[in-house]
């Protein structure tokens, strides 16, 4: 399992456009990814659940990636979040 934390820098947090792109990044890998914030977590392949987390600017989230290509998936997710969120 790969795990990392990220603090959201985007002024709008995880909103529709980046959430949709993030779901595509996650779905491009065989591994399962979950995002956690304040004791709540959701599957990052589910757009509405991801947006429903209500992640805002300044929030720190924990990403957990499990699966056959977890190294590549975690790296891709981390790169996307750094560039877009």
Protein backbone atom coordinates (compact mmCIF):
# COMPACT_ATOMS: atom_id res chain seq x y z
CA UNK A 1 0.00 0.00 0.00
CA UNK A 2 1.18 3.50 -0.87
CA UNK A 3 0.01 6.40 1.25
CA UNK A 4 0.69 10.13 1.10
CA UNK A 5 -0.81 13.36 2.37
CA UNK A 6 -1.52 16.46 0.34
CA UNK A 7 -2.73 19.93 1.33
CA UNK A 8 -5.13 21.44 -1.22
CA UNK A 9 -3.90 24.75 -2.64
CA UNK A 10 -6.65 25.46 -5.22
CA UNK A 11 -8.91 28.29 -4.05
CA UNK A 12 -12.02 26.25 -4.96
CA UNK A 13 -10.81 22.99 -3.42
CA UNK A 14 -11.71 19.76 -5.22
CA UNK A 15 -14.52 21.04 -7.46
CA UNK A 16 -16.12 19.58 -10.60
CA UNK A 17 -13.43 20.09 -13.26
CA UNK A 18 -10.37 18.84 -11.35
CA UNK A 19 -12.44 16.13 -9.66
CA UNK A 20 -13.48 14.77 -13.07
CA UNK A 21 -9.89 14.80 -14.31
CA UNK A 22 -8.68 13.16 -11.08
CA UNK A 23 -11.23 10.34 -11.50
CA UNK A 24 -9.83 9.75 -15.02
CA UNK A 25 -6.28 9.54 -13.65
CA UNK A 26 -7.37 6.98 -11.02
CA UNK A 27 -9.40 4.93 -13.52
CA UNK A 28 -6.33 4.72 -15.76
CA UNK A 29 -4.72 2.35 -13.26
CA UNK A 30 -5.61 -1.09 -11.95
CA UNK A 31 -5.09 -0.05 -8.33
CA UNK A 32 -7.81 1.17 -6.00
CA UNK A 33 -7.36 4.66 -4.52
CA UNK A 34 -9.20 6.18 -1.56
CA UNK A 35 -9.15 9.72 -0.22
CA UNK A 36 -9.63 10.47 3.49
CA UNK A 37 -10.49 13.71 5.26
CA UNK A 38 -11.76 14.25 8.81
CA UNK A 39 -12.43 10.54 9.34
CA UNK A 40 -14.46 10.20 6.10
CA UNK A 41 -13.18 8.35 3.06
CA UNK A 42 -14.36 7.51 -0.45
CA UNK A 43 -13.33 5.64 -3.58
CA UNK A 44 -11.57 8.09 -5.90
CA UNK A 45 -13.18 6.42 -8.95
CA UNK A 46 -16.58 7.81 -7.94
CA UNK A 47 -16.95 11.46 -9.02
CA UNK A 48 -19.99 12.37 -6.92
CA UNK A 49 -18.51 10.76 -3.79
CA UNK A 50 -15.23 12.64 -4.36
CA UNK A 51 -17.02 15.98 -4.76
CA UNK A 52 -19.25 15.11 -1.79
CA UNK A 53 -16.21 15.02 0.48
CA UNK A 54 -16.28 18.83 0.48
CA UNK A 55 -12.50 19.24 0.30
CA UNK A 56 -11.61 22.94 0.48
CA UNK A 57 -8.44 24.99 0.12
CA UNK A 58 -6.12 24.35 3.07
CA UNK A 59 -7.57 20.91 3.85
CA UNK A 60 -5.04 18.09 4.17
CA UNK A 61 -6.19 14.79 2.69
CA UNK A 62 -4.67 11.33 2.90
CA UNK A 63 -4.53 9.27 -0.28
CA UNK A 64 -4.18 5.47 -0.06
CA UNK A 65 -3.43 3.39 -3.13
CA UNK A 66 -3.57 -0.42 -3.16
CA UNK A 67 -3.09 -2.77 -6.11
CA UNK A 68 -0.82 -4.22 -8.75
CA UNK A 69 0.42 -0.86 -10.05
CA UNK A 70 0.18 1.11 -6.81
CA UNK A 71 3.59 2.77 -7.29
CA UNK A 72 2.69 4.18 -10.72
CA UNK A 73 -0.85 5.06 -9.63
CA UNK A 74 0.28 6.89 -6.49
CA UNK A 75 2.91 8.78 -8.49
CA UNK A 76 0.35 9.80 -11.15
CA UNK A 77 -2.20 10.93 -8.52
CA UNK A 78 0.42 12.89 -6.60
CA UNK A 79 1.67 14.56 -9.81
CA UNK A 80 -1.90 15.50 -10.83
CA UNK A 81 -2.69 16.96 -7.41
CA UNK A 82 0.54 18.98 -7.32
CA UNK A 83 -0.12 20.44 -10.78
CA UNK A 84 -3.89 21.00 -10.46
CA UNK A 85 -4.97 21.16 -6.84
